[in-house]
Amino acid sequence: MTTTVPKTVLRNDPILEPIVNRFDPHPLDPDVDEFERLVVSIINQQLSTASAMAVRERVFDVLEHEVTVQRVLDADDEALLEAGLSRQKLAYVRNVATAFRENDFTREGLADQSNDDVRAALTAITGVGDWTARMYLMFVLQRPDVLPLGDLAVRRAIELLYNDGNDLSRDAMREIAEPWRPHRSLASRYLWAYYESDR
């Protein structure tokens, strides 16, 4: 399937069409490391962008910039706490490392599982919530049809574009996004680009 086909589907939505024509979608990293990305997602939880970046850099320093399952499990608790992880996040990162040691959460390992099955498997790990699981589906597994309505930027972009900035229910947003299937991930990446722009 060519890259023009998903854009054609999205351009059928007259409100989304100018966004697709004007913006580049929020980028994907083709070489993303599955485990590292999930660790970073946990570090980022409930932190500003600047704070998350600072903590991430210090944690990576402790791990000697090799964010592997074994390094996380072997790292000194106090060093990670001093790097800025809370005790709760330290536990979450260890939970993720243990889960990755016991199960294959790579693209290949999850290739035959549905999005719902992947979300269920990930959210069974204490510390991984639905938002993090959906981000994993979109940006790590790069599944094409994920709608992350737990993400504030995506919700606000939909409300700005489709309801003059006024609140919409999740059900209303799902209905708006229905014509975007099976390319709701790409649509969401355009919504991020729109929301993060000066408009």
N, C-alpha and C. Protein backbone atom coordinates (compact mmCIF):
# COMPACT_ATOMS: atom_id res chain seq x y z
N MET A 1 0.85 -1.19 0.00
CA MET A 1 0.00 0.00 0.00
C MET A 1 0.89 1.25 0.00
N THR A 2 0.60 2.19 -0.90
CA THR A 2 1.42 3.39 -0.97
C THR A 2 1.01 4.38 0.10
N THR A 3 1.91 5.33 0.36
CA THR A 3 1.62 6.32 1.40
C THR A 3 0.53 7.28 0.96
N THR A 4 0.23 7.35 -0.33
CA THR A 4 -0.80 8.29 -0.77
C THR A 4 -2.19 7.80 -0.42
N VAL A 5 -2.38 6.50 -0.28
CA VAL A 5 -3.71 5.97 -0.01
C VAL A 5 -4.25 6.45 1.34
N PRO A 6 -3.48 6.32 2.46
CA PRO A 6 -4.01 6.84 3.72
C PRO A 6 -4.34 8.33 3.66
N LYS A 7 -3.49 9.12 3.03
CA LYS A 7 -3.76 10.55 2.92
C LYS A 7 -5.05 10.80 2.13
N THR A 8 -5.29 10.00 1.10
CA THR A 8 -6.51 10.14 0.31
C THR A 8 -7.73 9.89 1.18
N VAL A 9 -7.66 8.87 2.02
CA VAL A 9 -8.77 8.58 2.94
C VAL A 9 -9.01 9.77 3.86
N LEU A 10 -7.94 10.31 4.43
CA LEU A 10 -8.09 11.43 5.37
C LEU A 10 -8.58 12.69 4.67
N ARG A 11 -8.18 12.89 3.42
CA ARG A 11 -8.62 14.08 2.68
C ARG A 11 -10.11 14.02 2.34
N ASN A 12 -10.71 12.85 2.44
CA ASN A 12 -12.16 12.75 2.22
C ASN A 12 -12.95 13.46 3.32
N ASP A 13 -12.29 13.72 4.43
CA ASP A 13 -12.90 14.50 5.52
C ASP A 13 -12.61 15.97 5.21
N PRO A 14 -13.64 16.77 4.88
CA PRO A 14 -13.37 18.16 4.46
C PRO A 14 -12.74 19.03 5.54
N ILE A 15 -12.90 18.66 6.81
CA ILE A 15 -12.27 19.44 7.89
C ILE A 15 -10.81 19.05 8.06
N LEU A 16 -10.53 17.76 7.89
CA LEU A 16 -9.16 17.28 8.05
C LEU A 16 -8.31 17.55 6.81
N GLU A 17 -8.95 17.68 5.65
CA GLU A 17 -8.20 17.85 4.39
C GLU A 17 -7.19 18.99 4.44
N PRO A 18 -7.57 20.20 4.88
CA PRO A 18 -6.56 21.28 4.91
C PRO A 18 -5.43 21.02 5.90
N ILE A 19 -5.69 20.26 6.94
CA ILE A 19 -4.64 19.92 7.90
C ILE A 19 -3.63 18.99 7.24
N VAL A 20 -4.13 18.00 6.50
CA VAL A 20 -3.25 17.06 5.78
C VAL A 20 -2.44 17.81 4.73
N ASN A 21 -3.06 18.78 4.07
CA ASN A 21 -2.37 19.53 3.02
C ASN A 21 -1.33 20.49 3.58
N ARG A 22 -1.55 20.96 4.81
CA ARG A 22 -0.70 22.03 5.35
C ARG A 22 0.44 21.51 6.22
N PHE A 23 0.22 20.43 6.97
CA PHE A 23 1.17 19.99 7.97
C PHE A 23 1.83 18.66 7.59
N ASP A 24 3.02 18.45 8.15
CA ASP A 24 3.62 17.12 8.15
C ASP A 24 3.16 16.42 9.42
N PRO A 25 2.84 15.13 9.35
CA PRO A 25 2.38 14.45 10.56
C PRO A 25 3.50 14.33 11.59
N HIS A 26 3.11 14.26 12.85
CA HIS A 26 4.07 14.03 13.93
C HIS A 26 4.92 12.81 13.54
N PRO A 27 6.24 12.89 13.63
CA PRO A 27 7.10 11.85 13.02
C PRO A 27 7.11 10.53 13.78
N LEU A 28 7.44 9.48 13.05
CA LEU A 28 7.72 8.17 13.61
C LEU A 28 9.21 7.90 13.51
N ASP A 29 9.73 7.14 14.46
CA ASP A 29 11.13 6.73 14.44
C ASP A 29 11.19 5.28 13.99
N PRO A 30 11.71 5.01 12.78
CA PRO A 30 11.72 3.62 12.29
C PRO A 30 12.64 2.71 13.09
N ASP A 31 13.57 3.29 13.84
CA ASP A 31 14.56 2.49 14.58
C ASP A 31 14.33 2.52 16.09
N VAL A 32 13.12 2.84 16.50
CA VAL A 32 12.85 2.97 17.93
C VAL A 32 13.09 1.63 18.64
N ASP A 33 13.69 1.71 19.82
CA ASP A 33 13.91 0.51 20.65
C ASP A 33 12.69 0.31 21.55
N GLU A 34 12.09 -0.87 21.47
CA GLU A 34 10.83 -1.11 22.16
C GLU A 34 10.93 -0.89 23.67
N PHE A 35 11.93 -1.50 24.29
CA PHE A 35 12.06 -1.41 25.74
C PHE A 35 12.38 0.02 26.17
N GLU A 36 13.31 0.63 25.49
CA GLU A 36 13.70 2.00 25.85
C GLU A 36 12.52 2.94 25.75
N ARG A 37 11.72 2.80 24.71
CA ARG A 37 10.56 3.69 24.52
C ARG A 37 9.59 3.56 25.69
N LEU A 38 9.36 2.33 26.16
CA LEU A 38 8.42 2.14 27.26
C LEU A 38 8.99 2.72 28.56
N VAL A 39 10.29 2.56 28.78
CA VAL A 39 10.93 3.16 29.95
C VAL A 39 10.79 4.68 29.90
N VAL A 40 11.02 5.26 28.74
CA VAL A 40 10.90 6.71 28.58
C VAL A 40 9.47 7.16 28.84
N SER A 41 8.49 6.39 28.37
CA SER A 41 7.09 6.75 28.61
C SER A 41 6.79 6.81 30.10
N ILE A 42 7.35 5.88 30.86
CA ILE A 42 7.12 5.88 32.31
C ILE A 42 7.82 7.08 32.96
N ILE A 43 9.05 7.36 32.53
CA ILE A 43 9.76 8.53 33.07
C ILE A 43 8.95 9.81 32.80
N ASN A 44 8.34 9.90 31.63
CA ASN A 44 7.63 11.11 31.22
C ASN A 44 6.31 11.33 31.95
N GLN A 45 5.76 10.30 32.56
CA GLN A 45 4.44 10.40 33.17
C GLN A 45 4.41 11.53 34.20
N GLN A 46 3.41 12.43 34.02
CA GLN A 46 3.12 13.50 34.99
C GLN A 46 4.29 14.47 35.20
N LEU A 47 5.14 14.60 34.19
CA LEU A 47 6.23 15.58 34.25
C LEU A 47 6.12 16.52 33.06
N SER A 48 6.56 17.76 33.26
CA SER A 48 6.65 18.68 32.13
C SER A 48 7.71 18.14 31.16
N THR A 49 7.67 18.65 29.94
CA THR A 49 8.63 18.20 28.93
C THR A 49 10.07 18.44 29.40
N ALA A 50 10.33 19.63 29.96
CA ALA A 50 11.69 19.96 30.40
C ALA A 50 12.13 19.06 31.56
N SER A 51 11.26 18.86 32.52
CA SER A 51 11.60 18.01 33.67
C SER A 51 11.84 16.57 33.22
N ALA A 52 10.97 16.08 32.35
CA ALA A 52 11.11 14.71 31.86
C ALA A 52 12.43 14.51 31.13
N MET A 53 12.81 15.51 30.32
CA MET A 53 14.06 15.42 29.57
C MET A 53 15.26 15.37 30.51
N ALA A 54 15.22 16.18 31.57
CA ALA A 54 16.33 16.23 32.52
C ALA A 54 16.45 14.91 33.28
N VAL A 55 15.32 14.38 33.74
CA VAL A 55 15.33 13.10 34.46
C VAL A 55 15.79 11.98 33.54
N ARG A 56 15.27 11.99 32.32
CA ARG A 56 15.64 10.95 31.35
C ARG A 56 17.14 10.94 31.11
N GLU A 57 17.73 12.12 30.94
CA GLU A 57 19.17 12.19 30.68
C GLU A 57 19.97 11.65 31.87
N ARG A 58 19.54 11.97 33.08
CA ARG A 58 20.26 11.48 34.26
C ARG A 58 20.09 9.97 34.44
N VAL A 59 18.89 9.47 34.17
CA VAL A 59 18.67 8.02 34.25
C VAL A 59 19.51 7.30 33.20
N PHE A 60 19.55 7.86 31.99
CA PHE A 60 20.37 7.25 30.93
C PHE A 60 21.84 7.26 31.32
N ASP A 61 22.29 8.31 32.01
CA ASP A 61 23.67 8.36 32.48
C ASP A 61 23.95 7.21 33.45
N VAL A 62 23.01 6.98 34.36
CA VAL A 62 23.17 5.87 35.32
C VAL A 62 23.27 4.54 34.57
N LEU A 63 22.50 4.41 33.50
CA LEU A 63 22.49 3.17 32.72
C LEU A 63 23.58 3.15 31.65
N GLU A 64 24.45 4.15 31.68
CA GLU A 64 25.54 4.29 30.70
C GLU A 64 25.01 4.29 29.27
N HIS A 65 23.83 4.88 29.12
CA HIS A 65 23.18 5.05 27.81
C HIS A 65 22.95 3.73 27.08
N GLU A 66 22.79 2.67 27.85
CA GLU A 66 22.36 1.37 27.30
C GLU A 66 21.12 0.96 28.08
N VAL A 67 19.97 1.35 27.56
CA VAL A 67 18.72 1.10 28.27
C VAL A 67 18.23 -0.31 27.91
N THR A 68 18.79 -1.28 28.60
CA THR A 68 18.44 -2.68 28.36
C THR A 68 17.77 -3.24 29.61
N VAL A 69 17.09 -4.35 29.42
CA VAL A 69 16.42 -5.02 30.53
C VAL A 69 17.41 -5.31 31.66
N GLN A 70 18.55 -5.90 31.30
CA GLN A 70 19.51 -6.30 32.33
C GLN A 70 20.10 -5.09 33.06
N ARG A 71 20.39 -4.03 32.33
CA ARG A 71 20.96 -2.84 32.99
C ARG A 71 19.96 -2.22 33.96
N VAL A 72 18.70 -2.19 33.58
CA VAL A 72 17.68 -1.64 34.47
C VAL A 72 17.54 -2.51 35.71
N LEU A 73 17.54 -3.83 35.53
CA LEU A 73 17.40 -4.72 36.69
C LEU A 73 18.63 -4.68 37.59
N ASP A 74 19.79 -4.44 37.01
CA ASP A 74 21.04 -4.44 37.79
C ASP A 74 21.38 -3.08 38.40
N ALA A 75 20.74 -2.01 37.91
CA ALA A 75 21.12 -0.66 38.34
C ALA A 75 20.83 -0.47 39.83
N ASP A 76 21.67 0.36 40.45
CA ASP A 76 21.53 0.65 41.87
C ASP A 76 20.30 1.52 42.13
N ASP A 77 19.47 1.09 43.09
CA ASP A 77 18.25 1.82 43.40
C ASP A 77 18.54 3.28 43.74
N GLU A 78 19.50 3.50 44.60
CA GLU A 78 19.78 4.86 45.06
C GLU A 78 20.24 5.75 43.91
N ALA A 79 21.02 5.18 43.00
CA ALA A 79 21.49 5.97 41.85
C ALA A 79 20.32 6.40 40.97
N LEU A 80 19.35 5.51 40.77
CA LEU A 80 18.18 5.86 39.96
C LEU A 80 17.29 6.85 40.68
N LEU A 81 17.17 6.72 41.99
CA LEU A 81 16.38 7.69 42.76
C LEU A 81 17.04 9.07 42.72
N GLU A 82 18.38 9.08 42.86
CA GLU A 82 19.10 10.35 42.79
C GLU A 82 19.01 10.98 41.40
N ALA A 83 18.83 10.14 40.40
CA ALA A 83 18.68 10.65 39.03
C ALA A 83 17.32 11.32 38.82
N GLY A 84 16.41 11.09 39.74
CA GLY A 84 15.12 11.78 39.65
C GLY A 84 13.90 10.89 39.57
N LEU A 85 14.09 9.58 39.53
CA LEU A 85 12.94 8.69 39.55
C LEU A 85 12.33 8.68 40.94
N SER A 86 11.02 8.74 41.02
CA SER A 86 10.34 8.53 42.30
C SER A 86 10.42 7.03 42.62
N ARG A 87 10.14 6.69 43.87
CA ARG A 87 10.15 5.26 44.24
C ARG A 87 9.09 4.51 43.43
N GLN A 88 7.97 5.16 43.18
CA GLN A 88 6.91 4.51 42.40
C GLN A 88 7.36 4.26 40.97
N LYS A 89 7.97 5.27 40.34
CA LYS A 89 8.44 5.09 38.96
C LYS A 89 9.58 4.08 38.88
N LEU A 90 10.42 4.05 39.91
CA LEU A 90 11.47 3.04 39.94
C LEU A 90 10.85 1.65 39.92
N ALA A 91 9.80 1.46 40.72
CA ALA A 91 9.11 0.17 40.74
C ALA A 91 8.50 -0.13 39.38
N TYR A 92 7.91 0.90 38.74
CA TYR A 92 7.29 0.70 37.43
C TYR A 92 8.32 0.29 36.37
N VAL A 93 9.48 0.97 36.39
CA VAL A 93 10.52 0.65 35.42
C VAL A 93 11.03 -0.78 35.63
N ARG A 94 11.17 -1.18 36.88
CA ARG A 94 11.59 -2.57 37.16
C ARG A 94 10.50 -3.55 36.71
N ASN A 95 9.23 -3.18 36.91
CA ASN A 95 8.13 -4.05 36.45
C ASN A 95 8.20 -4.27 34.95
N VAL A 96 8.46 -3.18 34.23
CA VAL A 96 8.55 -3.27 32.77
C VAL A 96 9.73 -4.15 32.36
N ALA A 97 10.86 -3.98 33.04
CA ALA A 97 12.04 -4.79 32.73
C ALA A 97 11.74 -6.28 32.97
N THR A 98 11.09 -6.58 34.07
CA THR A 98 10.75 -7.97 34.37
C THR A 98 9.80 -8.53 33.33
N ALA A 99 8.80 -7.73 32.93
CA ALA A 99 7.84 -8.17 31.92
C ALA A 99 8.52 -8.44 30.59
N PHE A 100 9.47 -7.56 30.21
CA PHE A 100 10.19 -7.76 28.94
C PHE A 100 11.11 -8.98 29.01
N ARG A 101 11.61 -9.28 30.19
CA ARG A 101 12.46 -10.47 30.33
C ARG A 101 11.63 -11.74 30.17
N GLU A 102 10.38 -11.68 30.60
CA GLU A 102 9.53 -12.87 30.60
C GLU A 102 8.68 -13.02 29.34
N ASN A 103 8.47 -11.92 28.60
CA ASN A 103 7.61 -11.94 27.42
C ASN A 103 8.25 -11.17 26.29
N ASP A 104 7.81 -11.46 25.07
CA ASP A 104 8.34 -10.79 23.89
C ASP A 104 7.39 -9.66 23.49
N PHE A 105 7.76 -8.42 23.86
CA PHE A 105 6.93 -7.27 23.54
C PHE A 105 7.47 -6.51 22.33
N THR A 106 8.32 -7.15 21.53
CA THR A 106 8.84 -6.51 20.33
C THR A 106 7.77 -6.53 19.24
N ARG A 107 8.03 -5.79 18.17
CA ARG A 107 7.11 -5.79 17.03
C ARG A 107 6.86 -7.20 16.53
N GLU A 108 7.96 -7.96 16.43
CA GLU A 108 7.84 -9.33 15.93
C GLU A 108 7.04 -10.20 16.90
N GLY A 109 7.32 -10.03 18.18
CA GLY A 109 6.65 -10.85 19.17
C GLY A 109 5.16 -10.58 19.29
N LEU A 110 4.75 -9.36 18.95
CA LEU A 110 3.34 -8.98 19.07
C LEU A 110 2.63 -8.91 17.73
N ALA A 111 3.32 -9.30 16.67
CA ALA A 111 2.79 -9.13 15.32
C ALA A 111 1.44 -9.80 15.10
N ASP A 112 1.22 -10.95 15.73
CA ASP A 112 -0.01 -11.70 15.52
C ASP A 112 -1.12 -11.32 16.49
N GLN A 113 -0.84 -10.38 17.41
CA GLN A 113 -1.84 -10.01 18.41
C GLN A 113 -2.59 -8.75 17.98
N SER A 114 -3.88 -8.72 18.31
CA SER A 114 -4.70 -7.55 17.99
C SER A 114 -4.30 -6.38 18.87
N ASN A 115 -4.73 -5.19 18.48
CA ASN A 115 -4.47 -4.00 19.30
C ASN A 115 -5.03 -4.18 20.70
N ASP A 116 -6.24 -4.74 20.80
CA ASP A 116 -6.85 -4.93 22.12
C ASP A 116 -6.04 -5.91 22.96
N ASP A 117 -5.53 -6.95 22.33
CA ASP A 117 -4.71 -7.94 23.06
C ASP A 117 -3.41 -7.30 23.54
N VAL A 118 -2.80 -6.49 22.70
CA VAL A 118 -1.55 -5.81 23.09
C VAL A 118 -1.81 -4.87 24.25
N ARG A 119 -2.89 -4.10 24.16
CA ARG A 119 -3.22 -3.18 25.26
C ARG A 119 -3.45 -3.94 26.55
N ALA A 120 -4.15 -5.05 26.47
CA ALA A 120 -4.42 -5.85 27.67
C ALA A 120 -3.12 -6.37 28.27
N ALA A 121 -2.21 -6.84 27.41
CA ALA A 121 -0.93 -7.38 27.90
C ALA A 121 -0.09 -6.29 28.54
N LEU A 122 -0.06 -5.11 27.92
CA LEU A 122 0.77 -4.02 28.45
C LEU A 122 0.19 -3.44 29.74
N THR A 123 -1.12 -3.24 29.76
CA THR A 123 -1.72 -2.63 30.96
C THR A 123 -1.78 -3.61 32.13
N ALA A 124 -1.48 -4.87 31.87
CA ALA A 124 -1.36 -5.83 32.97
C ALA A 124 -0.06 -5.60 33.76
N ILE A 125 0.88 -4.83 33.17
CA ILE A 125 2.12 -4.48 33.86
C ILE A 125 1.83 -3.27 34.75
N THR A 126 2.03 -3.41 36.03
CA THR A 126 1.77 -2.29 36.94
C THR A 126 2.67 -1.11 36.58
N GLY A 127 2.03 0.03 36.30
CA GLY A 127 2.76 1.22 35.89
C GLY A 127 2.52 1.59 34.44
N VAL A 128 1.93 0.67 33.67
CA VAL A 128 1.61 0.94 32.26
C VAL A 128 0.10 1.11 32.14
N GLY A 129 -0.32 2.33 31.87
CA GLY A 129 -1.73 2.62 31.71
C GLY A 129 -2.16 2.59 30.26
N ASP A 130 -3.43 2.90 30.04
CA ASP A 130 -3.99 2.81 28.69
C ASP A 130 -3.33 3.81 27.74
N TRP A 131 -3.06 5.05 28.22
CA TRP A 131 -2.41 6.03 27.35
C TRP A 131 -1.05 5.52 26.89
N THR A 132 -0.26 4.98 27.82
CA THR A 132 1.07 4.49 27.49
C THR A 132 0.96 3.32 26.50
N ALA A 133 -0.01 2.45 26.72
CA ALA A 133 -0.20 1.31 25.81
C ALA A 133 -0.55 1.77 24.40
N ARG A 134 -1.40 2.78 24.30
CA ARG A 134 -1.77 3.29 22.98
C ARG A 134 -0.58 3.99 22.29
N MET A 135 0.23 4.71 23.08
CA MET A 135 1.43 5.32 22.51
C MET A 135 2.38 4.24 21.99
N TYR A 136 2.46 3.13 22.73
CA TYR A 136 3.31 2.01 22.32
C TYR A 136 2.79 1.42 21.00
N LEU A 137 1.48 1.25 20.91
CA LEU A 137 0.89 0.74 19.68
C LEU A 137 1.20 1.65 18.50
N MET A 138 1.11 2.96 18.73
CA MET A 138 1.29 3.91 17.63
C MET A 138 2.74 4.10 17.25
N PHE A 139 3.58 4.36 18.25
CA PHE A 139 4.93 4.83 17.96
C PHE A 139 6.00 3.74 18.00
N VAL A 140 5.72 2.63 18.65
CA VAL A 140 6.68 1.53 18.69
C VAL A 140 6.26 0.43 17.72
N LEU A 141 5.05 -0.07 17.89
CA LEU A 141 4.57 -1.12 16.99
C LEU A 141 4.11 -0.53 15.66
N GLN A 142 3.85 0.77 15.65
CA GLN A 142 3.45 1.51 14.46
C GLN A 142 2.22 0.88 13.80
N ARG A 143 1.24 0.57 14.66
CA ARG A 143 -0.05 0.07 14.17
C ARG A 143 -0.81 1.22 13.52
N PRO A 144 -1.49 0.97 12.41
CA PRO A 144 -2.06 2.07 11.62
C PRO A 144 -3.39 2.63 12.12
N ASP A 145 -4.10 1.90 12.97
CA ASP A 145 -5.46 2.34 13.28
C ASP A 145 -5.70 2.45 14.79
N VAL A 146 -4.95 3.37 15.43
CA VAL A 146 -5.08 3.61 16.86
C VAL A 146 -5.61 5.03 17.05
N LEU A 147 -6.61 5.17 17.91
CA LEU A 147 -7.18 6.49 18.22
C LEU A 147 -6.95 6.77 19.70
N PRO A 148 -5.96 7.57 20.05
CA PRO A 148 -5.59 7.77 21.46
C PRO A 148 -6.37 8.91 22.12
N LEU A 149 -7.62 8.67 22.43
CA LEU A 149 -8.45 9.72 23.00
C LEU A 149 -8.08 10.01 24.46
N GLY A 150 -7.17 9.25 25.03
CA GLY A 150 -6.64 9.58 26.34
C GLY A 150 -5.61 10.70 26.28
N ASP A 151 -5.25 11.11 25.07
CA ASP A 151 -4.24 12.14 24.89
C ASP A 151 -4.91 13.50 24.77
N LEU A 152 -4.52 14.42 25.65
CA LEU A 152 -5.15 15.74 25.70
C LEU A 152 -5.01 16.49 24.38
N ALA A 153 -3.83 16.44 23.76
CA ALA A 153 -3.61 17.19 22.52
C ALA A 153 -4.53 16.70 21.41
N VAL A 154 -4.71 15.40 21.31
CA VAL A 154 -5.59 14.84 20.28
C VAL A 154 -7.04 15.28 20.53
N ARG A 155 -7.47 15.20 21.79
CA ARG A 155 -8.84 15.61 22.10
C ARG A 155 -9.06 17.10 21.82
N ARG A 156 -8.11 17.92 22.25
CA ARG A 156 -8.26 19.37 22.04
C ARG A 156 -8.25 19.72 20.56
N ALA A 157 -7.41 19.04 19.79
CA ALA A 157 -7.38 19.31 18.35
C ALA A 157 -8.72 18.97 17.71
N ILE A 158 -9.31 17.84 18.09
CA ILE A 158 -10.61 17.46 17.54
C ILE A 158 -11.66 18.51 17.94
N GLU A 159 -11.63 18.94 19.20
CA GLU A 159 -12.61 19.94 19.65
C GLU A 159 -12.43 21.27 18.93
N LEU A 160 -11.18 21.68 18.71
CA LEU A 160 -10.92 22.93 17.99
C LEU A 160 -11.41 22.86 16.56
N LEU A 161 -11.15 21.75 15.91
CA LEU A 161 -11.47 21.61 14.49
C LEU A 161 -12.95 21.33 14.24
N TYR A 162 -13.56 20.56 15.11
CA TYR A 162 -14.90 20.06 14.83
C TYR A 162 -15.99 20.66 15.72
N ASN A 163 -15.62 21.43 16.76
CA ASN A 163 -16.65 21.94 17.66
C ASN A 163 -16.27 23.31 18.22
N ASP A 164 -15.56 24.11 17.42
CA ASP A 164 -15.19 25.48 17.80
C ASP A 164 -14.50 25.55 19.16
N GLY A 165 -13.77 24.48 19.53
CA GLY A 165 -13.03 24.48 20.78
C GLY A 165 -13.85 24.08 21.99
N ASN A 166 -15.12 23.77 21.79
CA ASN A 166 -15.98 23.36 22.90
C ASN A 166 -15.85 21.86 23.17
N ASP A 167 -16.17 21.48 24.40
CA ASP A 167 -16.02 20.09 24.81
C ASP A 167 -16.85 19.15 23.95
N LEU A 168 -16.27 17.98 23.70
CA LEU A 168 -16.98 16.89 23.04
C LEU A 168 -16.81 15.63 23.88
N SER A 169 -17.80 14.77 23.85
CA SER A 169 -17.69 13.49 24.54
C SER A 169 -16.75 12.57 23.77
N ARG A 170 -16.23 11.56 24.45
CA ARG A 170 -15.38 10.58 23.75
C ARG A 170 -16.18 9.88 22.65
N ASP A 171 -17.45 9.60 22.92
CA ASP A 171 -18.28 8.93 21.91
C ASP A 171 -18.41 9.81 20.66
N ALA A 172 -18.60 11.10 20.87
CA ALA A 172 -18.71 12.02 19.73
C ALA A 172 -17.40 12.05 18.94
N MET A 173 -16.27 12.02 19.66
CA MET A 173 -14.97 12.00 18.98
C MET A 173 -14.78 10.72 18.18
N ARG A 174 -15.19 9.61 18.75
CA ARG A 174 -15.08 8.33 18.01
C ARG A 174 -15.91 8.38 16.73
N GLU A 175 -17.08 8.98 16.81
CA GLU A 175 -17.94 9.09 15.63
C GLU A 175 -17.28 9.98 14.57
N ILE A 176 -16.68 11.08 15.01
CA ILE A 176 -15.97 11.97 14.08
C ILE A 176 -14.84 11.22 13.39
N ALA A 177 -14.13 10.36 14.16
CA ALA A 177 -12.95 9.66 13.64
C ALA A 177 -13.30 8.41 12.84
N GLU A 178 -14.54 8.01 12.85
CA GLU A 178 -14.91 6.77 12.16
C GLU A 178 -14.52 6.76 10.68
N PRO A 179 -14.73 7.87 9.94
CA PRO A 179 -14.35 7.86 8.51
C PRO A 179 -12.83 7.76 8.28
N TRP A 180 -12.03 7.98 9.32
CA TRP A 180 -10.58 7.90 9.17
C TRP A 180 -10.07 6.47 9.15
N ARG A 181 -10.90 5.52 9.57
CA ARG A 181 -10.45 4.12 9.56
C ARG A 181 -10.03 3.73 8.17
N PRO A 182 -9.03 2.89 7.99
CA PRO A 182 -8.18 2.26 9.01
C PRO A 182 -6.86 3.01 9.23
N HIS A 183 -6.94 4.36 9.19
CA HIS A 183 -5.72 5.18 9.28
C HIS A 183 -5.84 6.21 10.41
N ARG A 184 -6.44 5.81 11.53
CA ARG A 184 -6.63 6.77 12.62
C ARG A 184 -5.32 7.15 13.31
N SER A 185 -4.31 6.28 13.22
CA SER A 185 -3.00 6.66 13.78
C SER A 185 -2.41 7.84 13.00
N LEU A 186 -2.46 7.77 11.70
CA LEU A 186 -1.94 8.87 10.88
C LEU A 186 -2.76 10.13 11.12
N ALA A 187 -4.07 10.00 11.20
CA ALA A 187 -4.91 11.16 11.49
C ALA A 187 -4.52 11.79 12.82
N SER A 188 -4.25 10.95 13.82
CA SER A 188 -3.86 11.46 15.14
C SER A 188 -2.53 12.20 15.06
N ARG A 189 -1.62 11.69 14.24
CA ARG A 189 -0.32 12.35 14.10
C ARG A 189 -0.47 13.72 13.41
N TYR A 190 -1.44 13.83 12.50
CA TYR A 190 -1.74 15.15 11.93
C TYR A 190 -2.37 16.07 12.97
N LEU A 191 -3.24 15.51 13.82
CA LEU A 191 -3.86 16.31 14.87
C LEU A 191 -2.81 16.85 15.84
N TRP A 192 -1.82 16.03 16.20
CA TRP A 192 -0.72 16.50 17.05
C TRP A 192 0.01 17.66 16.38
N ALA A 193 0.33 17.46 15.09
CA ALA A 193 1.08 18.51 14.37
C ALA A 193 0.28 19.81 14.36
N TYR A 194 -1.01 19.70 14.13
CA TYR A 194 -1.88 20.88 14.13
C TYR A 194 -1.90 21.53 15.50
N TYR A 195 -2.10 20.73 16.54
CA TYR A 195 -2.22 21.29 17.90
C TYR A 195 -0.93 21.94 18.37
N GLU A 196 0.20 21.35 17.97
CA GLU A 196 1.50 21.87 18.43
C GLU A 196 1.99 23.05 17.59
N SER A 197 1.26 23.38 16.53
CA SER A 197 1.68 24.48 15.65
C SER A 197 1.15 25.81 16.19
N ASP A 198 1.56 26.88 15.54
CA ASP A 198 1.04 28.21 15.88
C ASP A 198 -0.35 28.44 15.25
N ARG A 199 -0.73 27.50 14.41
CA ARG A 199 -2.02 27.55 13.71
C ARG A 199 -2.18 28.85 12.94
